[in-house]
């Protein structure tokens, strides 16, 4: 009984660490967009440096999950949970990478002003972070219905990205001297669009944890 109690305590601790990792990734996304908008190169450099902390936590969680599988031989629901954790931390690490990517884009632009207002980026970031935060709650509460709703919201970010991409493309067509900066801005938007895709993956794993059924819940409309 003591061994099993310790096992379930470790499993709960792993879940808490996944939520902590998710918050770190979400905070990095938010900070990267603000730094890009405000041309804050110092913060951009810090985001790049701090990405190692997200990576380190991912590896730690992964090792502990594998140790539980090896020593406790979990079955049924617990095995699904651990399998989901291993998948979720991969997507969370990628979200951190997208934030790091936007920080690097900020450094590439340097001290130049941005070529357009970044309302689209702000909206994409806000929507993606909202999806992530609610998905982490759904993960802890095993709320598959909320997870399904979050999957549907990926289309919101896709539409925002398409609109932003077209606007930047028009700018580059009208002034070819802005092609490089415009390309950087489309990269930033694509990073944020991918954040929402990663959250959708996480939401699908939440549903899998609860139902045992793996399915794609938001099929691309393209």
C-alpha atoms as a PDB file:
ATOM      1  CA  UNK A   1       0.000   0.000   0.000  1.00  0.00           C
ATOM      2  CA  UNK A   2       2.844   2.380   0.836  1.00  0.00           C
ATOM      3  CA  UNK A   3       4.449   1.707  -2.557  1.00  0.00           C
ATOM      4  CA  UNK A   4       1.203   2.368  -4.431  1.00  0.00           C
ATOM      5  CA  UNK A   5       0.541   5.527  -2.410  1.00  0.00           C
ATOM      6  CA  UNK A   6       4.007   6.775  -3.340  1.00  0.00           C
ATOM      7  CA  UNK A   7       3.340   5.889  -6.974  1.00  0.00           C
ATOM      8  CA  UNK A   8       0.097   7.874  -7.132  1.00  0.00           C
ATOM      9  CA  UNK A   9       1.730  10.785  -5.345  1.00  0.00           C
ATOM     10  CA  UNK A  10       4.479  10.848  -7.975  1.00  0.00           C
ATOM     11  CA  UNK A  11       1.908  10.656 -10.754  1.00  0.00           C
ATOM     12  CA  UNK A  12       0.071  13.655  -9.287  1.00  0.00           C
ATOM     13  CA  UNK A  13       3.362  15.526  -8.936  1.00  0.00           C
ATOM     14  CA  UNK A  14       4.138  14.823 -12.592  1.00  0.00           C
ATOM     15  CA  UNK A  15       0.792  16.287 -13.610  1.00  0.00           C
ATOM     16  CA  UNK A  16       1.485  19.405 -11.523  1.00  0.00           C
ATOM     17  CA  UNK A  17       4.864  19.768 -13.206  1.00  0.00           C
ATOM     18  CA  UNK A  18       3.232  19.499 -16.628  1.00  0.00           C
ATOM     19  CA  UNK A  19       0.905  22.360 -15.675  1.00  0.00           C
ATOM     20  CA  UNK A  20       3.927  24.338 -14.454  1.00  0.00           C
ATOM     21  CA  UNK A  21       5.696  23.692 -17.725  1.00  0.00           C
ATOM     22  CA  UNK A  22       2.591  24.845 -19.584  1.00  0.00           C
ATOM     23  CA  UNK A  23       2.545  28.102 -17.659  1.00  0.00           C
ATOM     24  CA  UNK A  24       6.220  28.671 -18.431  1.00  0.00           C
ATOM     25  CA  UNK A  25       5.566  28.124 -22.134  1.00  0.00           C
ATOM     26  CA  UNK A  26       2.496  30.392 -22.148  1.00  0.00           C
ATOM     27  CA  UNK A  27       4.362  33.153 -20.314  1.00  0.00           C
ATOM     28  CA  UNK A  28       7.190  32.880 -22.848  1.00  0.00           C
ATOM     29  CA  UNK A  29       4.762  33.295 -25.752  1.00  0.00           C
ATOM     30  CA  UNK A  30       3.187  36.364 -24.183  1.00  0.00           C
ATOM     31  CA  UNK A  31       6.569  37.918 -23.366  1.00  0.00           C
ATOM     32  CA  UNK A  32       7.929  37.225 -26.862  1.00  0.00           C
ATOM     33  CA  UNK A  33       5.076  39.081 -28.558  1.00  0.00           C
ATOM     34  CA  UNK A  34       5.343  42.065 -26.213  1.00  0.00           C
ATOM     35  CA  UNK A  35       9.120  42.184 -26.721  1.00  0.00           C
ATOM     36  CA  UNK A  36       8.636  42.073 -30.493  1.00  0.00           C
ATOM     37  CA  UNK A  37       6.066  44.839 -30.414  1.00  0.00           C
ATOM     38  CA  UNK A  38       8.072  47.077 -28.093  1.00  0.00           C
ATOM     39  CA  UNK A  39      11.399  46.309 -29.824  1.00  0.00           C
ATOM     40  CA  UNK A  40      12.722  45.094 -26.466  1.00  0.00           C
ATOM     41  CA  UNK A  41      15.840  43.228 -27.500  1.00  0.00           C
ATOM     42  CA  UNK A  42      16.986  42.643 -23.922  1.00  0.00           C
ATOM     43  CA  UNK A  43      13.824  40.716 -23.085  1.00  0.00           C
ATOM     44  CA  UNK A  44      14.069  38.859 -26.392  1.00  0.00           C
ATOM     45  CA  UNK A  45      17.538  37.630 -25.433  1.00  0.00           C
ATOM     46  CA  UNK A  46      16.262  36.548 -22.016  1.00  0.00           C
ATOM     47  CA  UNK A  47      13.424  34.537 -23.591  1.00  0.00           C
ATOM     48  CA  UNK A  48      15.955  32.699 -25.761  1.00  0.00           C
ATOM     49  CA  UNK A  49      18.122  31.940 -22.733  1.00  0.00           C
ATOM     50  CA  UNK A  50      15.187  30.860 -20.568  1.00  0.00           C
ATOM     51  CA  UNK A  51      13.943  28.376 -23.166  1.00  0.00           C
ATOM     52  CA  UNK A  52      16.549  25.986 -21.754  1.00  0.00           C
ATOM     53  CA  UNK A  53      14.555  25.886 -18.500  1.00  0.00           C
ATOM     54  CA  UNK A  54      11.479  24.628 -20.360  1.00  0.00           C
ATOM     55  CA  UNK A  55      13.580  22.028 -22.167  1.00  0.00           C
ATOM     56  CA  UNK A  56      15.189  20.854 -18.935  1.00  0.00           C
ATOM     57  CA  UNK A  57      11.819  20.432 -17.250  1.00  0.00           C
ATOM     58  CA  UNK A  58      10.556  18.459 -20.235  1.00  0.00           C
ATOM     59  CA  UNK A  59      13.480  16.019 -19.991  1.00  0.00           C
ATOM     60  CA  UNK A  60      13.001  15.654 -16.237  1.00  0.00           C
ATOM     61  CA  UNK A  61       9.299  14.851 -16.609  1.00  0.00           C
ATOM     62  CA  UNK A  62      10.033  12.408 -19.422  1.00  0.00           C
ATOM     63  CA  UNK A  63      12.623  10.513 -17.371  1.00  0.00           C
ATOM     64  CA  UNK A  64      10.288  10.255 -14.399  1.00  0.00           C
ATOM     65  CA  UNK A  65       7.436   9.013 -16.583  1.00  0.00           C
ATOM     66  CA  UNK A  66       9.632   6.296 -18.048  1.00  0.00           C
ATOM     67  CA  UNK A  67      10.802   5.336 -14.569  1.00  0.00           C
ATOM     68  CA  UNK A  68       7.193   4.902 -13.443  1.00  0.00           C
ATOM     69  CA  UNK A  69       6.462   2.688 -16.434  1.00  0.00           C
ATOM     70  CA  UNK A  70       9.547   0.573 -15.735  1.00  0.00           C
ATOM     71  CA  UNK A  71       9.055   0.201 -11.986  1.00  0.00           C
ATOM     72  CA  UNK A  72       5.279   0.280 -11.518  1.00  0.00           C
ATOM     73  CA  UNK A  73       3.985  -1.264 -14.751  1.00  0.00           C
ATOM     74  CA  UNK A  74       0.848   0.907 -14.803  1.00  0.00           C
ATOM     75  CA  UNK A  75      -2.264  -0.410 -16.484  1.00  0.00           C
ATOM     76  CA  UNK A  76      -5.403   1.036 -18.103  1.00  0.00           C
ATOM     77  CA  UNK A  77      -6.162   4.641 -17.057  1.00  0.00           C
ATOM     78  CA  UNK A  78      -2.798   5.271 -15.398  1.00  0.00           C
ATOM     79  CA  UNK A  79      -0.928   4.052 -18.464  1.00  0.00           C
ATOM     80  CA  UNK A  80      -3.036   6.333 -20.669  1.00  0.00           C
ATOM     81  CA  UNK A  81      -2.225   9.223 -18.363  1.00  0.00           C
ATOM     82  CA  UNK A  82       1.509   8.632 -18.555  1.00  0.00           C
ATOM     83  CA  UNK A  83       1.350   8.176 -22.332  1.00  0.00           C
ATOM     84  CA  UNK A  84      -0.569  11.459 -22.561  1.00  0.00           C
ATOM     85  CA  UNK A  85       1.980  13.222 -20.353  1.00  0.00           C
ATOM     86  CA  UNK A  86       4.819  12.147 -22.631  1.00  0.00           C
ATOM     87  CA  UNK A  87       2.974  13.573 -25.636  1.00  0.00           C
ATOM     88  CA  UNK A  88       1.830  16.763 -23.908  1.00  0.00           C
ATOM     89  CA  UNK A  89       5.311  17.766 -22.743  1.00  0.00           C
ATOM     90  CA  UNK A  90       6.546  17.454 -26.320  1.00  0.00           C
ATOM     91  CA  UNK A  91       3.931  19.942 -27.499  1.00  0.00           C
ATOM     92  CA  UNK A  92       4.631  22.245 -24.558  1.00  0.00           C
ATOM     93  CA  UNK A  93       8.319  22.251 -25.404  1.00  0.00           C
ATOM     94  CA  UNK A  94       7.431  23.142 -28.985  1.00  0.00           C
ATOM     95  CA  UNK A  95       5.283  26.026 -27.745  1.00  0.00           C
ATOM     96  CA  UNK A  96       8.331  27.272 -25.880  1.00  0.00           C
ATOM     97  CA  UNK A  97      10.321  26.895 -29.111  1.00  0.00           C
ATOM     98  CA  UNK A  98       7.775  29.050 -30.962  1.00  0.00           C
ATOM     99  CA  UNK A  99       8.201  31.742 -28.313  1.00  0.00           C
ATOM    100  CA  UNK A 100      11.967  31.479 -28.664  1.00  0.00           C
ATOM    101  CA  UNK A 101      11.523  31.728 -32.430  1.00  0.00           C
ATOM    102  CA  UNK A 102       9.667  35.008 -32.111  1.00  0.00           C
ATOM    103  CA  UNK A 103      12.346  36.320 -29.778  1.00  0.00           C
ATOM    104  CA  UNK A 104      14.958  35.488 -32.411  1.00  0.00           C
ATOM    105  CA  UNK A 105      12.843  37.237 -35.051  1.00  0.00           C
ATOM    106  CA  UNK A 106      12.873  40.319 -32.852  1.00  0.00           C
ATOM    107  CA  UNK A 107      16.667  40.190 -32.826  1.00  0.00           C
ATOM    108  CA  UNK A 108      16.766  39.758 -36.610  1.00  0.00           C
ATOM    109  CA  UNK A 109      14.686  42.912 -37.049  1.00  0.00           C
ATOM    110  CA  UNK A 110      16.999  44.661 -34.617  1.00  0.00           C
ATOM    111  CA  UNK A 111      16.276  48.272 -33.759  1.00  0.00           C
ATOM    112  CA  UNK A 112      14.155  48.882 -36.863  1.00  0.00           C
ATOM    113  CA  UNK A 113      10.490  49.784 -36.378  1.00  0.00           C
ATOM    114  CA  UNK A 114       7.955  47.161 -37.367  1.00  0.00           C
ATOM    115  CA  UNK A 115       6.434  47.585 -40.808  1.00  0.00           C
ATOM    116  CA  UNK A 116       2.839  47.392 -39.564  1.00  0.00           C
ATOM    117  CA  UNK A 117       0.716  47.436 -36.465  1.00  0.00           C
ATOM    118  CA  UNK A 118       0.733  44.103 -34.671  1.00  0.00           C
ATOM    119  CA  UNK A 119      -2.922  43.860 -33.712  1.00  0.00           C
ATOM    120  CA  UNK A 120      -3.147  40.514 -35.481  1.00  0.00           C
ATOM    121  CA  UNK A 121      -0.191  39.115 -33.557  1.00  0.00           C
ATOM    122  CA  UNK A 122      -1.662  40.322 -30.269  1.00  0.00           C
ATOM    123  CA  UNK A 123      -4.982  38.652 -31.011  1.00  0.00           C
ATOM    124  CA  UNK A 124      -3.338  35.404 -32.084  1.00  0.00           C
ATOM    125  CA  UNK A 125      -1.179  35.336 -28.960  1.00  0.00           C
ATOM    126  CA  UNK A 126      -4.108  36.133 -26.654  1.00  0.00           C
ATOM    127  CA  UNK A 127      -6.270  33.429 -28.213  1.00  0.00           C
ATOM    128  CA  UNK A 128      -3.501  30.832 -28.145  1.00  0.00           C
ATOM    129  CA  UNK A 129      -2.596  31.566 -24.528  1.00  0.00           C
ATOM    130  CA  UNK A 130      -6.266  31.443 -23.509  1.00  0.00           C
ATOM    131  CA  UNK A 131      -6.606  28.068 -25.198  1.00  0.00           C
ATOM    132  CA  UNK A 132      -3.491  26.795 -23.436  1.00  0.00           C
ATOM    133  CA  UNK A 133      -4.525  27.986 -19.988  1.00  0.00           C
ATOM    134  CA  UNK A 134      -7.979  26.444 -20.268  1.00  0.00           C
ATOM    135  CA  UNK A 135      -6.538  23.261 -21.724  1.00  0.00           C
ATOM    136  CA  UNK A 136      -4.250  22.853 -18.719  1.00  0.00           C
ATOM    137  CA  UNK A 137      -7.267  23.185 -16.412  1.00  0.00           C
ATOM    138  CA  UNK A 138      -9.159  20.637 -18.516  1.00  0.00           C
ATOM    139  CA  UNK A 139      -6.146  18.350 -18.243  1.00  0.00           C
ATOM    140  CA  UNK A 140      -6.126  18.480 -14.442  1.00  0.00           C
ATOM    141  CA  UNK A 141      -9.906  18.146 -14.193  1.00  0.00           C
ATOM    142  CA  UNK A 142     -10.226  15.487 -16.896  1.00  0.00           C
ATOM    143  CA  UNK A 143     -12.731  17.752 -18.667  1.00  0.00           C
ATOM    144  CA  UNK A 144     -13.067  16.250 -22.138  1.00  0.00           C
ATOM    145  CA  UNK A 145     -15.938  18.537 -23.185  1.00  0.00           C
ATOM    146  CA  UNK A 146     -13.889  21.683 -22.618  1.00  0.00           C
ATOM    147  CA  UNK A 147     -10.978  20.041 -24.426  1.00  0.00           C
ATOM    148  CA  UNK A 148     -13.200  19.465 -27.471  1.00  0.00           C
ATOM    149  CA  UNK A 149     -14.331  23.107 -27.459  1.00  0.00           C
ATOM    150  CA  UNK A 150     -10.721  24.256 -27.332  1.00  0.00           C
ATOM    151  CA  UNK A 151      -9.928  22.169 -30.414  1.00  0.00           C
ATOM    152  CA  UNK A 152     -12.625  24.014 -32.356  1.00  0.00           C
ATOM    153  CA  UNK A 153     -11.091  27.377 -31.409  1.00  0.00           C
ATOM    154  CA  UNK A 154      -7.994  26.623 -33.471  1.00  0.00           C
ATOM    155  CA  UNK A 155      -9.949  27.932 -36.472  1.00  0.00           C
ATOM    156  CA  UNK A 156     -10.059  31.380 -34.843  1.00  0.00           C
ATOM    157  CA  UNK A 157      -6.280  31.586 -34.835  1.00  0.00           C
ATOM    158  CA  UNK A 158      -6.070  30.231 -38.382  1.00  0.00           C
ATOM    159  CA  UNK A 159      -8.389  32.992 -39.608  1.00  0.00           C
ATOM    160  CA  UNK A 160      -6.397  35.671 -37.757  1.00  0.00           C
ATOM    161  CA  UNK A 161      -3.170  34.379 -39.271  1.00  0.00           C
ATOM    162  CA  UNK A 162      -4.619  34.340 -42.797  1.00  0.00           C
ATOM    163  CA  UNK A 163      -5.784  37.941 -42.441  1.00  0.00           C
ATOM    164  CA  UNK A 164      -2.432  39.087 -41.031  1.00  0.00           C
ATOM    165  CA  UNK A 165      -0.510  37.214 -43.741  1.00  0.00           C
ATOM    166  CA  UNK A 166      -2.528  38.864 -46.531  1.00  0.00           C
ATOM    167  CA  UNK A 167      -1.989  42.308 -45.046  1.00  0.00           C
ATOM    168  CA  UNK A 168       1.781  41.800 -44.843  1.00  0.00           C
ATOM    169  CA  UNK A 169       1.852  40.388 -48.356  1.00  0.00           C
ATOM    170  CA  UNK A 170       0.116  43.511 -49.668  1.00  0.00           C
ATOM    171  CA  UNK A 171       2.719  45.677 -47.926  1.00  0.00           C
ATOM    172  CA  UNK A 172       5.575  43.747 -49.530  1.00  0.00           C
ATOM    173  CA  UNK A 173       3.964  43.910 -52.984  1.00  0.00           C
ATOM    174  CA  UNK A 174       3.553  47.677 -52.701  1.00  0.00           C
ATOM    175  CA  UNK A 175       7.074  48.254 -51.342  1.00  0.00           C
ATOM    176  CA  UNK A 176       9.630  45.586 -52.239  1.00  0.00           C
ATOM    177  CA  UNK A 177      12.209  47.169 -49.918  1.00  0.00           C
ATOM    178  CA  UNK A 178      10.151  45.766 -47.039  1.00  0.00           C
ATOM    179  CA  UNK A 179      10.231  42.147 -48.188  1.00  0.00           C
ATOM    180  CA  UNK A 180      12.791  41.050 -45.601  1.00  0.00           C
ATOM    181  CA  UNK A 181      11.021  42.671 -42.663  1.00  0.00           C
ATOM    182  CA  UNK A 182       7.684  41.470 -43.983  1.00  0.00           C
ATOM    183  CA  UNK A 183       8.993  37.915 -44.184  1.00  0.00           C
ATOM    184  CA  UNK A 184      10.106  38.106 -40.572  1.00  0.00           C
ATOM    185  CA  UNK A 185       6.629  39.249 -39.546  1.00  0.00           C
ATOM    186  CA  UNK A 186       4.964  36.371 -41.385  1.00  0.00           C
ATOM    187  CA  UNK A 187       7.295  34.000 -39.534  1.00  0.00           C
ATOM    188  CA  UNK A 188       6.174  35.504 -36.244  1.00  0.00           C
ATOM    189  CA  UNK A 189       2.533  35.016 -37.159  1.00  0.00           C
ATOM    190  CA  UNK A 190       3.188  31.445 -38.219  1.00  0.00           C
ATOM    191  CA  UNK A 191       4.800  30.713 -34.849  1.00  0.00           C
ATOM    192  CA  UNK A 192       1.644  31.885 -33.101  1.00  0.00           C
ATOM    193  CA  UNK A 193      -0.566  29.889 -35.441  1.00  0.00           C
ATOM    194  CA  UNK A 194       1.486  26.831 -34.550  1.00  0.00           C
ATOM    195  CA  UNK A 195       1.031  27.512 -30.827  1.00  0.00           C
ATOM    196  CA  UNK A 196      -2.704  26.994 -31.287  1.00  0.00           C
ATOM    197  CA  UNK A 197      -2.025  23.797 -33.257  1.00  0.00           C
ATOM    198  CA  UNK A 198       0.080  22.494 -30.370  1.00  0.00           C
ATOM    199  CA  UNK A 199      -2.661  23.286 -27.881  1.00  0.00           C
ATOM    200  CA  UNK A 200      -5.113  21.393 -30.080  1.00  0.00           C
ATOM    201  CA  UNK A 201      -2.814  18.369 -29.872  1.00  0.00           C
ATOM    202  CA  UNK A 202      -2.787  18.660 -26.082  1.00  0.00           C
ATOM    203  CA  UNK A 203      -6.577  18.899 -25.965  1.00  0.00           C
ATOM    204  CA  UNK A 204      -6.833  15.727 -28.041  1.00  0.00           C
ATOM    205  CA  UNK A 205      -4.618  13.967 -25.484  1.00  0.00           C
ATOM    206  CA  UNK A 206      -6.908  15.129 -22.697  1.00  0.00           C
ATOM    207  CA  UNK A 207      -9.820  13.468 -24.471  1.00  0.00           C
ATOM    208  CA  UNK A 208      -7.696  10.345 -24.918  1.00  0.00           C
ATOM    209  CA  UNK A 209      -6.904  10.270 -21.192  1.00  0.00           C
ATOM    210  CA  UNK A 210     -10.596  10.281 -20.345  1.00  0.00           C
ATOM    211  CA  UNK A 211     -12.063   8.115 -23.086  1.00  0.00           C
ATOM    212  CA  UNK A 212      -9.178   5.920 -24.214  1.00  0.00           C
ATOM    213  CA  UNK A 213     -10.000   6.905 -27.794  1.00  0.00           C
ATOM    214  CA  UNK A 214      -7.437   8.686 -29.964  1.00  0.00           C
ATOM    215  CA  UNK A 215      -8.961  10.887 -32.631  1.00  0.00           C
ATOM    216  CA  UNK A 216      -8.289  14.076 -34.554  1.00  0.00           C
ATOM    217  CA  UNK A 217     -10.807  16.591 -33.252  1.00  0.00           C
ATOM    218  CA  UNK A 218     -10.120  19.530 -35.545  1.00  0.00           C
ATOM    219  CA  UNK A 219      -9.586  18.559 -39.153  1.00  0.00           C
ATOM    220  CA  UNK A 220      -8.011  21.296 -41.251  1.00  0.00           C
ATOM    221  CA  UNK A 221     -10.484  23.183 -43.406  1.00  0.00           C
ATOM    222  CA  UNK A 222      -7.868  23.561 -46.153  1.00  0.00           C
END
